[in-house]
Amino acid sequence: MSQCKSGNYPMDNVAIVKSTYEGKTSEENGKNLERYLAEYARWTEAKGFPYAGTYIGFEEINKNVFHRLATEWIDYKFTPEGYVADGDKVAAYGTYTGINKKTNKSFQARVVHLWNLKAGKIVSFEQFVDSQPVNEAMK
């Protein structure tokens, strides 16, 4: 594991990743993400997840992920429990929660996000999630 001292990339990378979770809404988190996202960053939502797929660049990510989270859910959020940094990779692990607007069903799902950064910019994101609770909340 890399050192996490101030001024070194691993600490900076963790701070960048943390900033993408600190908004009050999914849309705020999307705006925080945009600030650090590389122009052609790849964003992969897990197979089996309602928003599954790989999206390139902020416009596609915002349209296919953040906008949908903001309009299809009440209080949808990722609550991070911790971070693991190794060079340009940062893993954030925790729990998704939310209430589906159509069904009024709530859920909790365990999740890990794997971020890859280069020179202070996010170049890729990959989601690993227990999709079943999310899908059940949508039925």
C-alpha atoms as a PDB file:
ATOM      1  CA  MET A   1       0.000   0.000   0.000  1.00  0.00           C
ATOM      2  CA  SER A   2       1.243   3.467  -0.859  1.00  0.00           C
ATOM      3  CA  GLN A   3       1.990   6.062   1.733  1.00  0.00           C
ATOM      4  CA  CYS A   4      -0.748   8.604   2.332  1.00  0.00           C
ATOM      5  CA  LYS A   5       1.194  11.676   3.339  1.00  0.00           C
ATOM      6  CA  SER A   6       0.044  15.138   2.366  1.00  0.00           C
ATOM      7  CA  GLY A   7       1.344  16.172  -1.053  1.00  0.00           C
ATOM      8  CA  ASN A   8       1.732  12.616  -2.416  1.00  0.00           C
ATOM      9  CA  TYR A   9      -0.709  11.346  -5.042  1.00  0.00           C
ATOM     10  CA  PRO A  10      -2.322   8.627  -2.910  1.00  0.00           C
ATOM     11  CA  MET A  11      -3.586  11.130  -0.346  1.00  0.00           C
ATOM     12  CA  ASP A  12      -4.578  13.548  -3.111  1.00  0.00           C
ATOM     13  CA  ASN A  13      -6.321  10.709  -4.959  1.00  0.00           C
ATOM     14  CA  VAL A  14      -8.259   9.676  -1.866  1.00  0.00           C
ATOM     15  CA  ALA A  15      -9.303  13.295  -1.299  1.00  0.00           C
ATOM     16  CA  ILE A  16     -10.473  13.539  -4.929  1.00  0.00           C
ATOM     17  CA  VAL A  17     -12.528  10.342  -4.616  1.00  0.00           C
ATOM     18  CA  LYS A  18     -13.986  11.447  -1.270  1.00  0.00           C
ATOM     19  CA  SER A  19     -15.136  14.716  -2.855  1.00  0.00           C
ATOM     20  CA  THR A  20     -17.368  12.780  -5.268  1.00  0.00           C
ATOM     21  CA  TYR A  21     -19.416  11.472  -2.316  1.00  0.00           C
ATOM     22  CA  GLU A  22     -19.735  14.662  -0.251  1.00  0.00           C
ATOM     23  CA  GLY A  23     -22.658  16.310  -2.077  1.00  0.00           C
ATOM     24  CA  LYS A  24     -26.123  16.389  -0.527  1.00  0.00           C
ATOM     25  CA  THR A  25     -27.658  14.881  -3.697  1.00  0.00           C
ATOM     26  CA  SER A  26     -26.610  12.632  -6.569  1.00  0.00           C
ATOM     27  CA  GLU A  27     -26.600  15.678  -8.841  1.00  0.00           C
ATOM     28  CA  GLU A  28     -24.218  17.535  -6.495  1.00  0.00           C
ATOM     29  CA  ASN A  29     -21.934  14.502  -6.505  1.00  0.00           C
ATOM     30  CA  GLY A  30     -22.045  14.551 -10.295  1.00  0.00           C
ATOM     31  CA  LYS A  31     -20.879  18.175 -10.293  1.00  0.00           C
ATOM     32  CA  ASN A  32     -18.070  17.322  -7.867  1.00  0.00           C
ATOM     33  CA  LEU A  33     -17.097  14.429 -10.151  1.00  0.00           C
ATOM     34  CA  GLU A  34     -17.032  16.644 -13.239  1.00  0.00           C
ATOM     35  CA  ARG A  35     -14.338  18.835 -11.685  1.00  0.00           C
ATOM     36  CA  TYR A  36     -11.855  15.915 -11.525  1.00  0.00           C
ATOM     37  CA  LEU A  37     -12.983  13.754 -14.444  1.00  0.00           C
ATOM     38  CA  ALA A  38     -10.657  13.273 -17.415  1.00  0.00           C
ATOM     39  CA  GLU A  39     -12.335  14.208 -20.694  1.00  0.00           C
ATOM     40  CA  TYR A  40     -12.673  10.613 -21.950  1.00  0.00           C
ATOM     41  CA  ALA A  41     -13.003   8.840 -18.617  1.00  0.00           C
ATOM     42  CA  ARG A  42     -14.679   5.403 -18.646  1.00  0.00           C
ATOM     43  CA  TRP A  43     -17.451   4.765 -16.106  1.00  0.00           C
ATOM     44  CA  THR A  44     -18.677   1.184 -15.713  1.00  0.00           C
ATOM     45  CA  GLU A  45     -21.860   0.293 -13.842  1.00  0.00           C
ATOM     46  CA  ALA A  46     -21.951  -3.425 -12.941  1.00  0.00           C
ATOM     47  CA  LYS A  47     -23.699  -6.024 -15.070  1.00  0.00           C
ATOM     48  CA  GLY A  48     -27.097  -6.754 -13.518  1.00  0.00           C
ATOM     49  CA  PHE A  49     -27.360  -3.250 -12.027  1.00  0.00           C
ATOM     50  CA  PRO A  50     -30.292  -1.142 -13.363  1.00  0.00           C
ATOM     51  CA  TYR A  51     -27.887   1.324 -15.023  1.00  0.00           C
ATOM     52  CA  ALA A  52     -25.411  -1.321 -16.270  1.00  0.00           C
ATOM     53  CA  GLY A  53     -23.025  -0.285 -19.005  1.00  0.00           C
ATOM     54  CA  THR A  54     -19.890   1.677 -19.733  1.00  0.00           C
ATOM     55  CA  TYR A  55     -20.211   5.391 -20.338  1.00  0.00           C
ATOM     56  CA  ILE A  56     -17.511   7.690 -21.730  1.00  0.00           C
ATOM     57  CA  GLY A  57     -17.129  11.311 -20.629  1.00  0.00           C
ATOM     58  CA  PHE A  58     -19.127  13.397 -18.200  1.00  0.00           C
ATOM     59  CA  GLU A  59     -22.196  13.994 -20.394  1.00  0.00           C
ATOM     60  CA  GLU A  60     -22.830  10.255 -20.866  1.00  0.00           C
ATOM     61  CA  ILE A  61     -22.111   9.505 -17.200  1.00  0.00           C
ATOM     62  CA  ASN A  62     -24.386  12.278 -15.977  1.00  0.00           C
ATOM     63  CA  LYS A  63     -27.236  11.324 -18.343  1.00  0.00           C
ATOM     64  CA  ASN A  64     -27.102   7.550 -17.718  1.00  0.00           C
ATOM     65  CA  VAL A  65     -26.219   7.531 -14.005  1.00  0.00           C
ATOM     66  CA  PHE A  66     -26.483  10.734 -11.952  1.00  0.00           C
ATOM     67  CA  HIS A  67     -29.578  12.194 -13.623  1.00  0.00           C
ATOM     68  CA  ARG A  68     -31.397   8.876 -13.317  1.00  0.00           C
ATOM     69  CA  LEU A  69     -30.405   8.458  -9.667  1.00  0.00           C
ATOM     70  CA  ALA A  70     -31.682  11.968  -8.957  1.00  0.00           C
ATOM     71  CA  THR A  71     -35.004  11.506 -10.773  1.00  0.00           C
ATOM     72  CA  GLU A  72     -35.858   7.843 -10.049  1.00  0.00           C
ATOM     73  CA  TRP A  73     -34.957   7.666  -6.349  1.00  0.00           C
ATOM     74  CA  ILE A  74     -35.536   9.472  -3.073  1.00  0.00           C
ATOM     75  CA  ASP A  75     -32.405   9.930  -0.937  1.00  0.00           C
ATOM     76  CA  TYR A  76     -30.306   7.566  -3.090  1.00  0.00           C
ATOM     77  CA  LYS A  77     -26.786   7.652  -1.691  1.00  0.00           C
ATOM     78  CA  PHE A  78     -23.546   5.816  -1.204  1.00  0.00           C
ATOM     79  CA  THR A  79     -22.316   5.873   2.380  1.00  0.00           C
ATOM     80  CA  PRO A  80     -18.587   5.145   2.346  1.00  0.00           C
ATOM     81  CA  GLU A  81     -17.098   3.170   5.226  1.00  0.00           C
ATOM     82  CA  GLY A  82     -13.493   3.361   4.121  1.00  0.00           C
ATOM     83  CA  TYR A  83     -10.916   3.795   1.380  1.00  0.00           C
ATOM     84  CA  VAL A  84      -7.921   1.786   0.250  1.00  0.00           C
ATOM     85  CA  ALA A  85      -5.270   3.481  -1.904  1.00  0.00           C
ATOM     86  CA  ASP A  86      -2.561   1.799  -3.972  1.00  0.00           C
ATOM     87  CA  GLY A  87      -0.756   4.199  -6.273  1.00  0.00           C
ATOM     88  CA  ASP A  88      -3.217   5.586  -8.802  1.00  0.00           C
ATOM     89  CA  LYS A  89      -6.010   3.236  -7.698  1.00  0.00           C
ATOM     90  CA  VAL A  90      -8.492   4.008  -4.914  1.00  0.00           C
ATOM     91  CA  ALA A  91     -11.182   1.623  -3.692  1.00  0.00           C
ATOM     92  CA  ALA A  92     -14.129   3.003  -1.743  1.00  0.00           C
ATOM     93  CA  TYR A  93     -16.377   0.516   0.051  1.00  0.00           C
ATOM     94  CA  GLY A  94     -19.699   0.968   1.782  1.00  0.00           C
ATOM     95  CA  THR A  95     -23.464   0.789   1.309  1.00  0.00           C
ATOM     96  CA  TYR A  96     -26.013   2.130  -1.150  1.00  0.00           C
ATOM     97  CA  THR A  97     -29.437   3.126   0.220  1.00  0.00           C
ATOM     98  CA  GLY A  98     -32.494   4.750  -1.259  1.00  0.00           C
ATOM     99  CA  ILE A  99     -36.230   4.621  -1.904  1.00  0.00           C
ATOM    100  CA  ASN A 100     -37.580   4.015  -5.387  1.00  0.00           C
ATOM    101  CA  LYS A 101     -40.037   6.751  -6.432  1.00  0.00           C
ATOM    102  CA  LYS A 102     -42.349   4.421  -8.396  1.00  0.00           C
ATOM    103  CA  THR A 103     -42.599   1.573  -5.869  1.00  0.00           C
ATOM    104  CA  ASN A 104     -41.844   3.453  -2.627  1.00  0.00           C
ATOM    105  CA  LYS A 105     -39.629   0.486  -1.656  1.00  0.00           C
ATOM    106  CA  SER A 106     -36.332   1.056   0.138  1.00  0.00           C
ATOM    107  CA  PHE A 107     -33.130  -0.965  -0.143  1.00  0.00           C
ATOM    108  CA  GLN A 108     -29.601  -1.414   1.188  1.00  0.00           C
ATOM    109  CA  ALA A 109     -26.838  -2.917  -0.955  1.00  0.00           C
ATOM    110  CA  ARG A 110     -23.141  -3.506  -0.315  1.00  0.00           C
ATOM    111  CA  VAL A 111     -20.827  -1.899  -2.864  1.00  0.00           C
ATOM    112  CA  VAL A 112     -17.205  -1.261  -3.816  1.00  0.00           C
ATOM    113  CA  HIS A 113     -16.106   1.440  -6.257  1.00  0.00           C
ATOM    114  CA  LEU A 114     -12.710   1.092  -7.945  1.00  0.00           C
ATOM    115  CA  TRP A 115     -11.292   4.399  -9.179  1.00  0.00           C
ATOM    116  CA  ASN A 116      -8.231   4.868 -11.390  1.00  0.00           C
ATOM    117  CA  LEU A 117      -6.586   8.310 -11.474  1.00  0.00           C
ATOM    118  CA  LYS A 118      -3.697   9.795 -13.421  1.00  0.00           C
ATOM    119  CA  ALA A 119      -2.099  13.140 -12.569  1.00  0.00           C
ATOM    120  CA  GLY A 120      -5.028  14.149 -10.386  1.00  0.00           C
ATOM    121  CA  LYS A 121      -7.733  13.245 -12.929  1.00  0.00           C
ATOM    122  CA  ILE A 122     -10.204  10.347 -12.752  1.00  0.00           C
ATOM    123  CA  VAL A 123      -9.681   8.153 -15.826  1.00  0.00           C
ATOM    124  CA  SER A 124     -11.913   5.219 -14.912  1.00  0.00           C
ATOM    125  CA  PHE A 125     -14.500   3.996 -12.433  1.00  0.00           C
ATOM    126  CA  GLU A 126     -15.832   0.479 -11.940  1.00  0.00           C
ATOM    127  CA  GLN A 127     -18.725  -0.505  -9.701  1.00  0.00           C
ATOM    128  CA  PHE A 128     -19.007  -3.855  -7.855  1.00  0.00           C
ATOM    129  CA  VAL A 129     -22.418  -4.171  -6.190  1.00  0.00           C
ATOM    130  CA  ASP A 130     -25.010  -6.588  -4.875  1.00  0.00           C
ATOM    131  CA  SER A 131     -27.621  -5.563  -7.467  1.00  0.00           C
ATOM    132  CA  GLN A 132     -30.440  -7.791  -6.222  1.00  0.00           C
ATOM    133  CA  PRO A 133     -31.697  -5.445  -3.442  1.00  0.00           C
ATOM    134  CA  VAL A 134     -31.714  -2.513  -5.886  1.00  0.00           C
ATOM    135  CA  ASN A 135     -33.603  -4.454  -8.552  1.00  0.00           C
ATOM    136  CA  GLU A 136     -36.103  -5.743  -5.965  1.00  0.00           C
ATOM    137  CA  ALA A 137     -36.815  -2.175  -4.821  1.00  0.00           C
ATOM    138  CA  MET A 138     -37.718  -1.298  -8.407  1.00  0.00           C
ATOM    139  CA  LYS A 139     -40.306  -4.111  -8.773  1.00  0.00           C
END
